[in-house]
PDB file of N, CA and C in Angstrom:
ATOM      1  N   GLN A   1      21.716  36.105  98.562  1.00  0.00           N
ATOM      2  CA  GLN A   1      23.260  35.630  98.496  1.00  0.00           C
ATOM      3  C   GLN A   1      23.447  34.342  97.593  1.00  0.00           C
ATOM      4  N   VAL A   2      24.230  34.509  96.598  1.00  0.00           N
ATOM      5  CA  VAL A   2      24.569  33.513  95.624  1.00  0.00           C
ATOM      6  C   VAL A   2      26.129  33.373  96.083  1.00  0.00           C
ATOM      7  N   GLN A   3      26.334  31.968  95.994  1.00  0.00           N
ATOM      8  CA  GLN A   3      27.790  31.260  95.856  1.00  0.00           C
ATOM      9  C   GLN A   3      27.849  30.747  94.486  1.00  0.00           C
ATOM     10  N   LEU A   4      29.116  31.006  94.255  1.00  0.00           N
ATOM     11  CA  LEU A   4      29.429  30.337  92.901  1.00  0.00           C
ATOM     12  C   LEU A   4      30.780  29.674  93.130  1.00  0.00           C
ATOM     13  N   VAL A   5      30.928  28.282  92.669  1.00  0.00           N
ATOM     14  CA  VAL A   5      32.441  27.547  92.778  1.00  0.00           C
ATOM     15  C   VAL A   5      32.525  26.959  91.555  1.00  0.00           C
ATOM     16  N   GLU A   6      33.457  27.111  90.844  1.00  0.00           N
ATOM     17  CA  GLU A   6      34.029  26.639  89.673  1.00  0.00           C
ATOM     18  C   GLU A   6      34.723  25.276  89.731  1.00  0.00           C
ATOM     19  N   SER A   7      34.796  24.529  88.392  1.00  0.00           N
ATOM     20  CA  SER A   7      35.456  23.168  88.865  1.00  0.00           C
ATOM     21  C   SER A   7      35.784  22.846  87.286  1.00  0.00           C
ATOM     22  N   GLY A   8      36.818  21.863  86.933  1.00  0.00           N
ATOM     23  CA  GLY A   8      36.979  21.389  85.530  1.00  0.00           C
ATOM     24  C   GLY A   8      38.123  21.927  84.902  1.00  0.00           C
ATOM     25  N   GLY A   9      38.886  23.016  85.752  1.00  0.00           N
ATOM     26  CA  GLY A   9      40.266  23.539  84.907  1.00  0.00           C
ATOM     27  C   GLY A   9      41.153  22.435  85.075  1.00  0.00           C
ATOM     28  N   GLY A  10      42.207  22.884  84.310  1.00  0.00           N
ATOM     29  CA  GLY A  10      43.430  21.716  84.274  1.00  0.00           C
ATOM     30  C   GLY A  10      44.200  22.173  83.104  1.00  0.00           C
ATOM     31  N   LEU A  11      45.219  21.357  82.994  1.00  0.00           N
ATOM     32  CA  LEU A  11      46.324  21.216  81.981  1.00  0.00           C
ATOM     33  C   LEU A  11      45.877  20.352  80.799  1.00  0.00           C
ATOM     34  N   VAL A  12      45.686  21.207  79.681  1.00  0.00           N
ATOM     35  CA  VAL A  12      45.600  20.327  78.496  1.00  0.00           C
ATOM     36  C   VAL A  12      46.327  20.662  77.146  1.00  0.00           C
ATOM     37  N   GLN A  13      46.625  20.030  76.088  1.00  0.00           N
ATOM     38  CA  GLN A  13      47.337  20.131  75.033  1.00  0.00           C
ATOM     39  C   GLN A  13      46.446  20.979  74.045  1.00  0.00           C
ATOM     40  N   ALA A  14      47.118  21.834  73.314  1.00  0.00           N
ATOM     41  CA  ALA A  14      46.659  22.321  72.298  1.00  0.00           C
ATOM     42  C   ALA A  14      45.599  21.496  71.406  1.00  0.00           C
ATOM     43  N   GLY A  15      44.540  21.964  71.118  1.00  0.00           N
ATOM     44  CA  GLY A  15      43.533  21.272  70.311  1.00  0.00           C
ATOM     45  C   GLY A  15      42.551  20.503  71.074  1.00  0.00           C
ATOM     46  N   GLY A  16      43.109  20.263  72.330  1.00  0.00           N
ATOM     47  CA  GLY A  16      42.050  19.337  73.395  1.00  0.00           C
ATOM     48  C   GLY A  16      40.887  20.435  73.735  1.00  0.00           C
ATOM     49  N   SER A  17      40.276  19.528  74.818  1.00  0.00           N
ATOM     50  CA  SER A  17      38.998  20.186  75.098  1.00  0.00           C
ATOM     51  C   SER A  17      38.878  19.996  76.583  1.00  0.00           C
ATOM     52  N   LEU A  18      38.082  21.137  77.370  1.00  0.00           N
ATOM     53  CA  LEU A  18      37.781  21.118  78.833  1.00  0.00           C
ATOM     54  C   LEU A  18      36.352  21.379  78.837  1.00  0.00           C
ATOM     55  N   ARG A  19      35.815  20.941  79.785  1.00  0.00           N
ATOM     56  CA  ARG A  19      34.531  21.685  80.295  1.00  0.00           C
ATOM     57  C   ARG A  19      34.316  22.129  81.683  1.00  0.00           C
ATOM     58  N   LEU A  20      34.143  23.206  81.938  1.00  0.00           N
ATOM     59  CA  LEU A  20      34.094  24.010  83.079  1.00  0.00           C
ATOM     60  C   LEU A  20      32.642  23.936  83.594  1.00  0.00           C
ATOM     61  N   SER A  21      32.518  23.923  85.063  1.00  0.00           N
ATOM     62  CA  SER A  21      31.191  23.834  85.692  1.00  0.00           C
ATOM     63  C   SER A  21      31.287  24.890  86.940  1.00  0.00           C
ATOM     64  N   CYS A  22      30.188  25.595  87.075  1.00  0.00           N
ATOM     65  CA  CYS A  22      30.113  26.394  87.913  1.00  0.00           C
ATOM     66  C   CYS A  22      28.708  26.042  88.722  1.00  0.00           C
ATOM     67  N   ALA A  23      28.917  25.443  90.098  1.00  0.00           N
ATOM     68  CA  ALA A  23      27.632  25.278  90.799  1.00  0.00           C
ATOM     69  C   ALA A  23      27.315  26.462  91.864  1.00  0.00           C
ATOM     70  N   ALA A  24      25.814  26.906  91.617  1.00  0.00           N
ATOM     71  CA  ALA A  24      25.577  27.881  92.151  1.00  0.00           C
ATOM     72  C   ALA A  24      24.673  27.694  93.528  1.00  0.00           C
ATOM     73  N   SER A  25      24.687  28.132  94.590  1.00  0.00           N
ATOM     74  CA  SER A  25      24.372  27.731  95.835  1.00  0.00           C
ATOM     75  C   SER A  25      23.434  29.094  96.545  1.00  0.00           C
ATOM     76  N   GLY A  26      22.634  28.959  97.336  1.00  0.00           N
ATOM     77  CA  GLY A  26      22.246  30.155  98.078  1.00  0.00           C
ATOM     78  C   GLY A  26      20.856  30.606  97.806  1.00  0.00           C
ATOM     79  N   ARG A  27      20.649  30.416  96.578  1.00  0.00           N
ATOM     80  CA  ARG A  27      19.397  30.868  95.959  1.00  0.00           C
ATOM     81  C   ARG A  27      19.465  30.339  94.563  1.00  0.00           C
ATOM     82  N   THR A  28      17.896  30.238  94.238  1.00  0.00           N
ATOM     83  CA  THR A  28      17.929  29.507  92.801  1.00  0.00           C
ATOM     84  C   THR A  28      18.597  30.356  91.597  1.00  0.00           C
ATOM     85  N   PHE A  29      19.245  30.103  90.842  1.00  0.00           N
ATOM     86  CA  PHE A  29      19.830  31.117  89.709  1.00  0.00           C
ATOM     87  C   PHE A  29      19.002  31.309  88.485  1.00  0.00           C
ATOM     88  N   GLY A  30      17.886  30.507  88.670  1.00  0.00           N
ATOM     89  CA  GLY A  30      17.115  30.642  87.316  1.00  0.00           C
ATOM     90  C   GLY A  30      16.736  31.939  86.722  1.00  0.00           C
ATOM     91  N   ASN A  31      16.707  33.033  87.456  1.00  0.00           N
ATOM     92  CA  ASN A  31      16.361  34.113  86.933  1.00  0.00           C
ATOM     93  C   ASN A  31      17.865  35.145  86.780  1.00  0.00           C
ATOM     94  N   TYR A  32      18.783  34.503  86.858  1.00  0.00           N
ATOM     95  CA  TYR A  32      20.170  35.074  86.874  1.00  0.00           C
ATOM     96  C   TYR A  32      20.525  35.266  85.329  1.00  0.00           C
ATOM     97  N   ALA A  33      21.316  36.227  85.078  1.00  0.00           N
ATOM     98  CA  ALA A  33      22.235  35.951  83.680  1.00  0.00           C
ATOM     99  C   ALA A  33      23.451  35.608  84.220  1.00  0.00           C
ATOM    100  N   MET A  34      24.251  34.777  83.545  1.00  0.00           N
ATOM    101  CA  MET A  34      25.340  34.074  83.939  1.00  0.00           C
ATOM    102  C   MET A  34      26.331  34.418  82.936  1.00  0.00           C
ATOM    103  N   GLY A  35      27.752  34.469  83.502  1.00  0.00           N
ATOM    104  CA  GLY A  35      28.629  34.647  82.467  1.00  0.00           C
ATOM    105  C   GLY A  35      29.934  33.907  82.913  1.00  0.00           C
ATOM    106  N   TRP A  36      30.807  33.799  82.169  1.00  0.00           N
ATOM    107  CA  TRP A  36      32.163  33.372  82.142  1.00  0.00           C
ATOM    108  C   TRP A  36      33.384  34.438  81.609  1.00  0.00           C
ATOM    109  N   PHE A  37      33.994  34.607  82.433  1.00  0.00           N
ATOM    110  CA  PHE A  37      35.041  35.727  82.135  1.00  0.00           C
ATOM    111  C   PHE A  37      36.676  34.827  82.496  1.00  0.00           C
ATOM    112  N   ARG A  38      37.612  35.388  81.846  1.00  0.00           N
ATOM    113  CA  ARG A  38      38.993  35.101  82.261  1.00  0.00           C
ATOM    114  C   ARG A  38      39.886  35.962  82.315  1.00  0.00           C
ATOM    115  N   GLN A  39      40.964  35.762  82.920  1.00  0.00           N
ATOM    116  CA  GLN A  39      42.004  36.713  83.191  1.00  0.00           C
ATOM    117  C   GLN A  39      43.209  36.121  83.050  1.00  0.00           C
ATOM    118  N   ALA A  40      44.123  36.302  82.174  1.00  0.00           N
ATOM    119  CA  ALA A  40      45.868  36.045  81.875  1.00  0.00           C
ATOM    120  C   ALA A  40      46.496  37.125  82.674  1.00  0.00           C
ATOM    121  N   PRO A  41      47.701  36.467  83.130  1.00  0.00           N
ATOM    122  CA  PRO A  41      48.781  37.107  84.037  1.00  0.00           C
ATOM    123  C   PRO A  41      49.092  38.446  83.363  1.00  0.00           C
ATOM    124  N   GLY A  42      48.946  39.313  84.190  1.00  0.00           N
ATOM    125  CA  GLY A  42      49.260  41.047  83.423  1.00  0.00           C
ATOM    126  C   GLY A  42      48.139  41.423  82.326  1.00  0.00           C
ATOM    127  N   LYS A  43      46.988  40.685  82.392  1.00  0.00           N
ATOM    128  CA  LYS A  43      46.139  41.239  81.522  1.00  0.00           C
ATOM    129  C   LYS A  43      44.783  41.473  82.305  1.00  0.00           C
ATOM    130  N   GLU A  44      43.820  42.347  81.806  1.00  0.00           N
ATOM    131  CA  GLU A  44      42.588  42.468  82.381  1.00  0.00           C
ATOM    132  C   GLU A  44      41.660  41.341  82.387  1.00  0.00           C
ATOM    133  N   ARG A  45      40.701  41.327  83.102  1.00  0.00           N
ATOM    134  CA  ARG A  45      39.790  40.292  83.074  1.00  0.00           C
ATOM    135  C   ARG A  45      38.914  40.485  81.764  1.00  0.00           C
ATOM    136  N   GLU A  46      38.737  39.590  81.170  1.00  0.00           N
ATOM    137  CA  GLU A  46      37.883  39.687  79.769  1.00  0.00           C
ATOM    138  C   GLU A  46      36.766  38.648  79.690  1.00  0.00           C
ATOM    139  N   PHE A  47      35.740  39.169  78.846  1.00  0.00           N
ATOM    140  CA  PHE A  47      34.596  38.463  78.643  1.00  0.00           C
ATOM    141  C   PHE A  47      34.761  37.273  77.913  1.00  0.00           C
ATOM    142  N   VAL A  48      33.993  36.053  78.161  1.00  0.00           N
ATOM    143  CA  VAL A  48      34.309  35.013  77.361  1.00  0.00           C
ATOM    144  C   VAL A  48      32.890  34.577  76.606  1.00  0.00           C
ATOM    145  N   ALA A  49      31.915  34.363  77.798  1.00  0.00           N
ATOM    146  CA  ALA A  49      30.776  33.931  77.056  1.00  0.00           C
ATOM    147  C   ALA A  49      29.466  34.314  78.237  1.00  0.00           C
ATOM    148  N   ALA A  50      28.301  34.669  77.812  1.00  0.00           N
ATOM    149  CA  ALA A  50      27.152  34.703  78.885  1.00  0.00           C
ATOM    150  C   ALA A  50      25.920  34.026  78.511  1.00  0.00           C
ATOM    151  N   ILE A  51      25.051  33.761  79.089  1.00  0.00           N
ATOM    152  CA  ILE A  51      23.566  33.067  78.791  1.00  0.00           C
ATOM    153  C   ILE A  51      22.957  33.885  79.628  1.00  0.00           C
ATOM    154  N   ILE A  52      21.722  34.344  79.434  1.00  0.00           N
ATOM    155  CA  ILE A  52      20.502  35.018  80.048  1.00  0.00           C
ATOM    156  C   ILE A  52      19.487  34.046  80.268  1.00  0.00           C
ATOM    157  N   TRP A  53      18.735  34.426  81.419  1.00  0.00           N
ATOM    158  CA  TRP A  53      17.755  33.666  81.711  1.00  0.00           C
ATOM    159  C   TRP A  53      16.377  33.533  80.833  1.00  0.00           C
ATOM    160  N   ILE A  54      15.904  34.991  80.272  1.00  0.00           N
ATOM    161  CA  ILE A  54      14.980  35.059  79.126  1.00  0.00           C
ATOM    162  C   ILE A  54      15.374  34.660  78.032  1.00  0.00           C
ATOM    163  N   GLY A  55      14.681  33.449  77.587  1.00  0.00           N
ATOM    164  CA  GLY A  55      15.070  33.022  76.338  1.00  0.00           C
ATOM    165  C   GLY A  55      16.311  32.140  76.119  1.00  0.00           C
ATOM    166  N   GLY A  56      17.154  32.256  77.118  1.00  0.00           N
ATOM    167  CA  GLY A  56      18.317  31.460  77.153  1.00  0.00           C
ATOM    168  C   GLY A  56      19.427  31.914  75.983  1.00  0.00           C
ATOM    169  N   ARG A  57      19.134  33.203  75.679  1.00  0.00           N
ATOM    170  CA  ARG A  57      19.959  33.672  74.697  1.00  0.00           C
ATOM    171  C   ARG A  57      21.574  33.974  75.143  1.00  0.00           C
ATOM    172  N   THR A  58      22.279  33.631  74.352  1.00  0.00           N
ATOM    173  CA  THR A  58      23.913  33.367  74.608  1.00  0.00           C
ATOM    174  C   THR A  58      24.658  34.383  73.711  1.00  0.00           C
ATOM    175  N   TYR A  59      25.700  34.922  74.390  1.00  0.00           N
ATOM    176  CA  TYR A  59      26.762  36.024  73.838  1.00  0.00           C
ATOM    177  C   TYR A  59      28.325  35.412  73.695  1.00  0.00           C
ATOM    178  N   TYR A  60      29.024  35.384  72.948  1.00  0.00           N
ATOM    179  CA  TYR A  60      30.362  34.996  73.053  1.00  0.00           C
ATOM    180  C   TYR A  60      31.391  36.244  72.579  1.00  0.00           C
ATOM    181  N   ALA A  61      32.537  36.086  73.271  1.00  0.00           N
ATOM    182  CA  ALA A  61      33.553  36.992  72.772  1.00  0.00           C
ATOM    183  C   ALA A  61      33.817  36.292  71.139  1.00  0.00           C
ATOM    184  N   ASP A  62      34.339  37.172  70.295  1.00  0.00           N
ATOM    185  CA  ASP A  62      34.877  36.965  69.004  1.00  0.00           C
ATOM    186  C   ASP A  62      35.987  35.713  69.101  1.00  0.00           C
ATOM    187  N   SER A  63      36.940  36.242  69.958  1.00  0.00           N
ATOM    188  CA  SER A  63      37.968  35.094  70.034  1.00  0.00           C
ATOM    189  C   SER A  63      37.672  33.590  70.486  1.00  0.00           C
ATOM    190  N   VAL A  64      36.635  33.349  71.006  1.00  0.00           N
ATOM    191  CA  VAL A  64      36.015  31.886  71.235  1.00  0.00           C
ATOM    192  C   VAL A  64      34.888  31.395  70.316  1.00  0.00           C
ATOM    193  N   LYS A  65      34.371  32.440  69.758  1.00  0.00           N
ATOM    194  CA  LYS A  65      33.191  31.971  68.698  1.00  0.00           C
ATOM    195  C   LYS A  65      33.381  30.904  67.898  1.00  0.00           C
ATOM    196  N   GLY A  66      32.496  29.751  67.959  1.00  0.00           N
ATOM    197  CA  GLY A  66      32.749  28.578  67.316  1.00  0.00           C
ATOM    198  C   GLY A  66      33.416  27.214  67.907  1.00  0.00           C
ATOM    199  N   ARG A  67      34.236  27.790  69.107  1.00  0.00           N
ATOM    200  CA  ARG A  67      34.771  26.917  69.819  1.00  0.00           C
ATOM    201  C   ARG A  67      34.351  26.428  71.455  1.00  0.00           C
ATOM    202  N   PHE A  68      33.851  27.578  71.916  1.00  0.00           N
ATOM    203  CA  PHE A  68      33.384  27.537  73.105  1.00  0.00           C
ATOM    204  C   PHE A  68      31.727  27.447  73.187  1.00  0.00           C
ATOM    205  N   THR A  69      31.056  26.813  74.148  1.00  0.00           N
ATOM    206  CA  THR A  69      29.974  26.739  74.238  1.00  0.00           C
ATOM    207  C   THR A  69      29.270  26.933  75.826  1.00  0.00           C
ATOM    208  N   ILE A  70      28.425  27.974  76.130  1.00  0.00           N
ATOM    209  CA  ILE A  70      27.929  28.113  77.231  1.00  0.00           C
ATOM    210  C   ILE A  70      26.467  27.488  77.241  1.00  0.00           C
ATOM    211  N   SER A  71      26.300  26.839  78.621  1.00  0.00           N
ATOM    212  CA  SER A  71      24.888  26.249  78.649  1.00  0.00           C
ATOM    213  C   SER A  71      24.643  26.302  80.069  1.00  0.00           C
ATOM    214  N   ARG A  72      23.447  26.259  80.570  1.00  0.00           N
ATOM    215  CA  ARG A  72      22.995  26.168  81.882  1.00  0.00           C
ATOM    216  C   ARG A  72      21.972  24.918  82.065  1.00  0.00           C
ATOM    217  N   ASP A  73      21.886  24.503  83.534  1.00  0.00           N
ATOM    218  CA  ASP A  73      20.884  23.610  83.860  1.00  0.00           C
ATOM    219  C   ASP A  73      20.344  24.053  85.199  1.00  0.00           C
ATOM    220  N   ASN A  74      19.336  24.811  85.053  1.00  0.00           N
ATOM    221  CA  ASN A  74      18.416  25.534  86.016  1.00  0.00           C
ATOM    222  C   ASN A  74      18.116  24.672  86.965  1.00  0.00           C
ATOM    223  N   ALA A  75      17.722  23.220  86.866  1.00  0.00           N
ATOM    224  CA  ALA A  75      17.272  22.154  87.608  1.00  0.00           C
ATOM    225  C   ALA A  75      18.532  21.813  88.758  1.00  0.00           C
ATOM    226  N   LYS A  76      19.569  21.885  88.044  1.00  0.00           N
ATOM    227  CA  LYS A  76      20.767  21.581  88.669  1.00  0.00           C
ATOM    228  C   LYS A  76      21.536  22.892  89.598  1.00  0.00           C
ATOM    229  N   ASN A  77      21.137  24.042  89.008  1.00  0.00           N
ATOM    230  CA  ASN A  77      21.881  25.206  89.383  1.00  0.00           C
ATOM    231  C   ASN A  77      23.114  25.224  88.836  1.00  0.00           C
ATOM    232  N   THR A  78      23.533  24.836  87.876  1.00  0.00           N
ATOM    233  CA  THR A  78      25.054  24.809  87.255  1.00  0.00           C
ATOM    234  C   THR A  78      24.887  25.260  85.909  1.00  0.00           C
ATOM    235  N   LEU A  79      26.082  26.125  85.743  1.00  0.00           N
ATOM    236  CA  LEU A  79      26.579  26.745  84.552  1.00  0.00           C
ATOM    237  C   LEU A  79      27.604  26.161  84.027  1.00  0.00           C
ATOM    238  N   TYR A  80      27.883  25.789  82.713  1.00  0.00           N
ATOM    239  CA  TYR A  80      29.072  25.053  81.800  1.00  0.00           C
ATOM    240  C   TYR A  80      29.616  25.846  80.865  1.00  0.00           C
ATOM    241  N   LEU A  81      30.624  25.619  80.655  1.00  0.00           N
ATOM    242  CA  LEU A  81      31.616  26.061  79.419  1.00  0.00           C
ATOM    243  C   LEU A  81      32.305  24.881  78.832  1.00  0.00           C
ATOM    244  N   GLN A  82      31.743  24.705  77.916  1.00  0.00           N
ATOM    245  CA  GLN A  82      32.350  23.492  77.078  1.00  0.00           C
ATOM    246  C   GLN A  82      33.568  24.321  76.148  1.00  0.00           C
ATOM    247  N   MET A  83      34.572  24.008  76.328  1.00  0.00           N
ATOM    248  CA  MET A  83      35.904  24.554  75.420  1.00  0.00           C
ATOM    249  C   MET A  83      36.566  23.379  74.604  1.00  0.00           C
ATOM    250  N   ASN A  84      36.609  23.705  73.359  1.00  0.00           N
ATOM    251  CA  ASN A  84      36.857  22.662  72.243  1.00  0.00           C
ATOM    252  C   ASN A  84      37.948  23.689  71.627  1.00  0.00           C
ATOM    253  N   SER A  85      39.024  22.809  70.791  1.00  0.00           N
ATOM    254  CA  SER A  85      39.847  23.414  70.065  1.00  0.00           C
ATOM    255  C   SER A  85      40.626  24.489  70.723  1.00  0.00           C
ATOM    256  N   LEU A  86      41.182  23.866  71.819  1.00  0.00           N
ATOM    257  CA  LEU A  86      42.024  25.327  73.020  1.00  0.00           C
ATOM    258  C   LEU A  86      43.224  25.435  72.193  1.00  0.00           C
ATOM    259  N   LYS A  87      43.629  26.644  72.418  1.00  0.00           N
ATOM    260  CA  LYS A  87      44.871  27.354  72.030  1.00  0.00           C
ATOM    261  C   LYS A  87      45.180  27.769  73.208  1.00  0.00           C
ATOM    262  N   PRO A  88      46.913  28.156  73.142  1.00  0.00           N
ATOM    263  CA  PRO A  88      47.614  28.441  74.215  1.00  0.00           C
ATOM    264  C   PRO A  88      47.140  29.757  74.704  1.00  0.00           C
ATOM    265  N   GLU A  89      46.536  30.515  73.745  1.00  0.00           N
ATOM    266  CA  GLU A  89      46.001  31.940  74.357  1.00  0.00           C
ATOM    267  C   GLU A  89      45.103  31.890  75.049  1.00  0.00           C
ATOM    268  N   ASP A  90      44.365  30.667  75.019  1.00  0.00           N
ATOM    269  CA  ASP A  90      43.242  30.472  76.177  1.00  0.00           C
ATOM    270  C   ASP A  90      43.731  30.446  77.349  1.00  0.00           C
ATOM    271  N   THR A  91      44.717  30.114  77.698  1.00  0.00           N
ATOM    272  CA  THR A  91      45.355  29.753  79.115  1.00  0.00           C
ATOM    273  C   THR A  91      45.061  31.431  79.812  1.00  0.00           C
ATOM    274  N   ALA A  92      44.233  30.913  81.113  1.00  0.00           N
ATOM    275  CA  ALA A  92      43.947  32.081  82.249  1.00  0.00           C
ATOM    276  C   ALA A  92      43.193  31.143  83.262  1.00  0.00           C
ATOM    277  N   VAL A  93      42.991  31.896  84.137  1.00  0.00           N
ATOM    278  CA  VAL A  93      41.979  31.978  85.249  1.00  0.00           C
ATOM    279  C   VAL A  93      40.797  32.156  84.874  1.00  0.00           C
ATOM    280  N   TYR A  94      39.788  31.202  85.100  1.00  0.00           N
ATOM    281  CA  TYR A  94      38.455  31.297  84.373  1.00  0.00           C
ATOM    282  C   TYR A  94      37.465  31.643  85.519  1.00  0.00           C
ATOM    283  N   TYR A  95      36.749  32.722  85.383  1.00  0.00           N
ATOM    284  CA  TYR A  95      35.668  32.942  86.454  1.00  0.00           C
ATOM    285  C   TYR A  95      33.939  32.739  86.018  1.00  0.00           C
ATOM    286  N   CYS A  96      33.386  32.371  86.896  1.00  0.00           N
ATOM    287  CA  CYS A  96      31.880  32.179  86.729  1.00  0.00           C
ATOM    288  C   CYS A  96      31.448  33.549  87.452  1.00  0.00           C
ATOM    289  N   ALA A  97      30.441  34.315  86.790  1.00  0.00           N
ATOM    290  CA  ALA A  97      29.726  35.351  87.297  1.00  0.00           C
ATOM    291  C   ALA A  97      28.504  34.996  86.855  1.00  0.00           C
ATOM    292  N   GLY A  98      27.628  36.235  88.170  1.00  0.00           N
ATOM    293  CA  GLY A  98      26.170  36.154  87.526  1.00  0.00           C
ATOM    294  C   GLY A  98      25.359  37.609  88.098  1.00  0.00           C
ATOM    295  N   PHE A  99      24.298  37.662  87.589  1.00  0.00           N
ATOM    296  CA  PHE A  99      23.710  38.681  88.385  1.00  0.00           C
ATOM    297  C   PHE A  99      21.906  38.566  88.155  1.00  0.00           C
ATOM    298  N   GLN A 100      21.279  39.298  89.060  1.00  0.00           N
ATOM    299  CA  GLN A 100      19.916  38.723  89.071  1.00  0.00           C
ATOM    300  C   GLN A 100      19.382  39.775  87.777  1.00  0.00           C
ATOM    301  N   SER A 101      18.474  39.056  86.852  1.00  0.00           N
ATOM    302  CA  SER A 101      17.964  39.970  85.808  1.00  0.00           C
ATOM    303  C   SER A 101      16.795  39.313  85.462  1.00  0.00           C
ATOM    304  N   THR A 102      15.711  40.288  85.389  1.00  0.00           N
ATOM    305  CA  THR A 102      14.387  39.926  85.121  1.00  0.00           C
ATOM    306  C   THR A 102      13.828  40.697  83.884  1.00  0.00           C
ATOM    307  N   THR A 103      14.970  41.353  83.109  1.00  0.00           N
ATOM    308  CA  THR A 103      14.464  41.995  81.936  1.00  0.00           C
ATOM    309  C   THR A 103      15.690  41.989  81.284  1.00  0.00           C
ATOM    310  N   TYR A 104      15.409  42.505  79.933  1.00  0.00           N
ATOM    311  CA  TYR A 104      16.283  42.570  78.989  1.00  0.00           C
ATOM    312  C   TYR A 104      17.212  43.624  79.074  1.00  0.00           C
ATOM    313  N   TYR A 105      18.797  43.340  78.800  1.00  0.00           N
ATOM    314  CA  TYR A 105      19.389  44.516  78.742  1.00  0.00           C
ATOM    315  C   TYR A 105      20.332  44.711  77.322  1.00  0.00           C
ATOM    316  N   SER A 106      21.002  45.625  76.931  1.00  0.00           N
ATOM    317  CA  SER A 106      21.639  45.703  75.784  1.00  0.00           C
ATOM    318  C   SER A 106      22.855  44.550  75.779  1.00  0.00           C
ATOM    319  N   ASP A 107      23.063  44.336  74.601  1.00  0.00           N
ATOM    320  CA  ASP A 107      23.684  43.132  74.486  1.00  0.00           C
ATOM    321  C   ASP A 107      25.218  43.265  75.252  1.00  0.00           C
ATOM    322  N   SER A 108      25.626  44.478  75.146  1.00  0.00           N
ATOM    323  CA  SER A 108      26.977  44.882  75.505  1.00  0.00           C
ATOM    324  C   SER A 108      27.023  44.814  77.132  1.00  0.00           C
ATOM    325  N   TYR A 109      25.751  44.903  77.801  1.00  0.00           N
ATOM    326  CA  TYR A 109      25.701  44.874  78.943  1.00  0.00           C
ATOM    327  C   TYR A 109      26.311  43.747  79.785  1.00  0.00           C
ATOM    328  N   TYR A 110      25.931  42.482  79.050  1.00  0.00           N
ATOM    329  CA  TYR A 110      26.306  41.142  79.516  1.00  0.00           C
ATOM    330  C   TYR A 110      27.739  40.872  79.198  1.00  0.00           C
ATOM    331  N   THR A 111      28.555  41.705  78.601  1.00  0.00           N
ATOM    332  CA  THR A 111      29.871  41.463  78.440  1.00  0.00           C
ATOM    333  C   THR A 111      30.910  42.424  79.357  1.00  0.00           C
ATOM    334  N   ARG A 112      30.163  42.842  80.249  1.00  0.00           N
ATOM    335  CA  ARG A 112      31.031  44.035  81.207  1.00  0.00           C
ATOM    336  C   ARG A 112      31.108  43.276  82.665  1.00  0.00           C
ATOM    337  N   PRO A 113      32.639  43.051  82.998  1.00  0.00           N
ATOM    338  CA  PRO A 113      32.313  42.447  84.133  1.00  0.00           C
ATOM    339  C   PRO A 113      31.831  43.442  85.386  1.00  0.00           C
ATOM    340  N   HIS A 114      31.444  44.558  85.277  1.00  0.00           N
ATOM    341  CA  HIS A 114      30.957  45.447  86.393  1.00  0.00           C
ATOM    342  C   HIS A 114      29.411  45.117  86.305  1.00  0.00           C
ATOM    343  N   SER A 115      29.010  44.585  85.221  1.00  0.00           N
ATOM    344  CA  SER A 115      27.484  44.299  85.351  1.00  0.00           C
ATOM    345  C   SER A 115      27.262  42.923  86.321  1.00  0.00           C
ATOM    346  N   TYR A 116      28.120  42.219  86.633  1.00  0.00           N
ATOM    347  CA  TYR A 116      27.768  41.033  87.466  1.00  0.00           C
ATOM    348  C   TYR A 116      28.548  41.461  89.053  1.00  0.00           C
ATOM    349  N   ASN A 117      27.428  40.949  89.715  1.00  0.00           N
ATOM    350  CA  ASN A 117      27.743  41.480  91.335  1.00  0.00           C
ATOM    351  C   ASN A 117      28.116  39.713  91.882  1.00  0.00           C
ATOM    352  N   TYR A 118      27.937  38.661  91.366  1.00  0.00           N
ATOM    353  CA  TYR A 118      28.624  37.312  92.090  1.00  0.00           C
ATOM    354  C   TYR A 118      29.566  36.980  91.169  1.00  0.00           C
ATOM    355  N   TRP A 119      30.617  36.448  92.049  1.00  0.00           N
ATOM    356  CA  TRP A 119      31.731  35.911  91.286  1.00  0.00           C
ATOM    357  C   TRP A 119      32.115  34.622  92.081  1.00  0.00           C
ATOM    358  N   GLY A 120      32.805  33.638  91.244  1.00  0.00           N
ATOM    359  CA  GLY A 120      33.185  32.339  91.937  1.00  0.00           C
ATOM    360  C   GLY A 120      34.848  32.777  92.256  1.00  0.00           C
ATOM    361  N   GLN A 121      35.519  31.825  92.682  1.00  0.00           N
ATOM    362  CA  GLN A 121      37.037  32.014  93.045  1.00  0.00           C
ATOM    363  C   GLN A 121      37.861  31.850  91.747  1.00  0.00           C
ATOM    364  N   GLY A 122      37.296  31.220  90.879  1.00  0.00           N
ATOM    365  CA  GLY A 122      38.006  30.918  89.281  1.00  0.00           C
ATOM    366  C   GLY A 122      38.763  29.792  89.417  1.00  0.00           C
ATOM    367  N   THR A 123      38.932  29.196  88.401  1.00  0.00           N
ATOM    368  CA  THR A 123      39.552  27.722  88.086  1.00  0.00           C
ATOM    369  C   THR A 123      40.777  28.248  87.192  1.00  0.00           C
ATOM    370  N   GLN A 124      42.065  27.325  87.206  1.00  0.00           N
ATOM    371  CA  GLN A 124      43.076  27.689  86.331  1.00  0.00           C
ATOM    372  C   GLN A 124      42.849  26.853  85.015  1.00  0.00           C
ATOM    373  N   VAL A 125      42.988  27.224  83.759  1.00  0.00           N
ATOM    374  CA  VAL A 125      43.085  26.545  82.733  1.00  0.00           C
ATOM    375  C   VAL A 125      44.382  26.863  82.041  1.00  0.00           C
ATOM    376  N   THR A 126      45.175  25.867  81.563  1.00  0.00           N
ATOM    377  CA  THR A 126      46.475  25.992  81.073  1.00  0.00           C
ATOM    378  C   THR A 126      46.555  24.951  79.826  1.00  0.00           C
ATOM    379  N   VAL A 127      46.642  25.698  78.719  1.00  0.00           N
ATOM    380  CA  VAL A 127      47.138  24.895  77.469  1.00  0.00           C
ATOM    381  C   VAL A 127      48.342  25.142  76.736  1.00  0.00           C
ATOM    382  N   SER A 128      48.989  23.819  76.817  1.00  0.00           N
ATOM    383  CA  SER A 128      50.390  23.798  76.114  1.00  0.00           C
ATOM    384  C   SER A 128      50.322  23.642  74.953  1.00  0.00           C
ATOM    385  N   SER A 129      51.489  24.174  74.308  1.00  0.00           N
ATOM    386  CA  SER A 129      51.227  24.173  72.773  1.00  0.00           C
ATOM    387  C   SER A 129      52.189  22.940  72.349  1.00  0.00           C
TER     388      SER A 129
END
């Protein structure tokens, strides 16, 4: 069992930056694919970014590409999401998620919420205009 706890959310003005962290405990998450998703009020949960264990390959939603960076520190069992040039439409609850992965999957697999079986409780990010 893996427990995920997000932190780093808050209120920021448009154009500002935040760094989210996700601390994993319970098992080493070195061989887990990890992702960030977000959910705004009245909307479905959507993919933001993912990073796989094998090779450290990353994936990003088009809406955040070039502004957000996902990274991981396996020694610290921590996942990060650096968010720059934030926009009001980035306002949402951000969730960290993971699943154990010892093989490659299709690119789209990493963008689907149902691929992930471990989830954090979420952290609120609010971007004011």
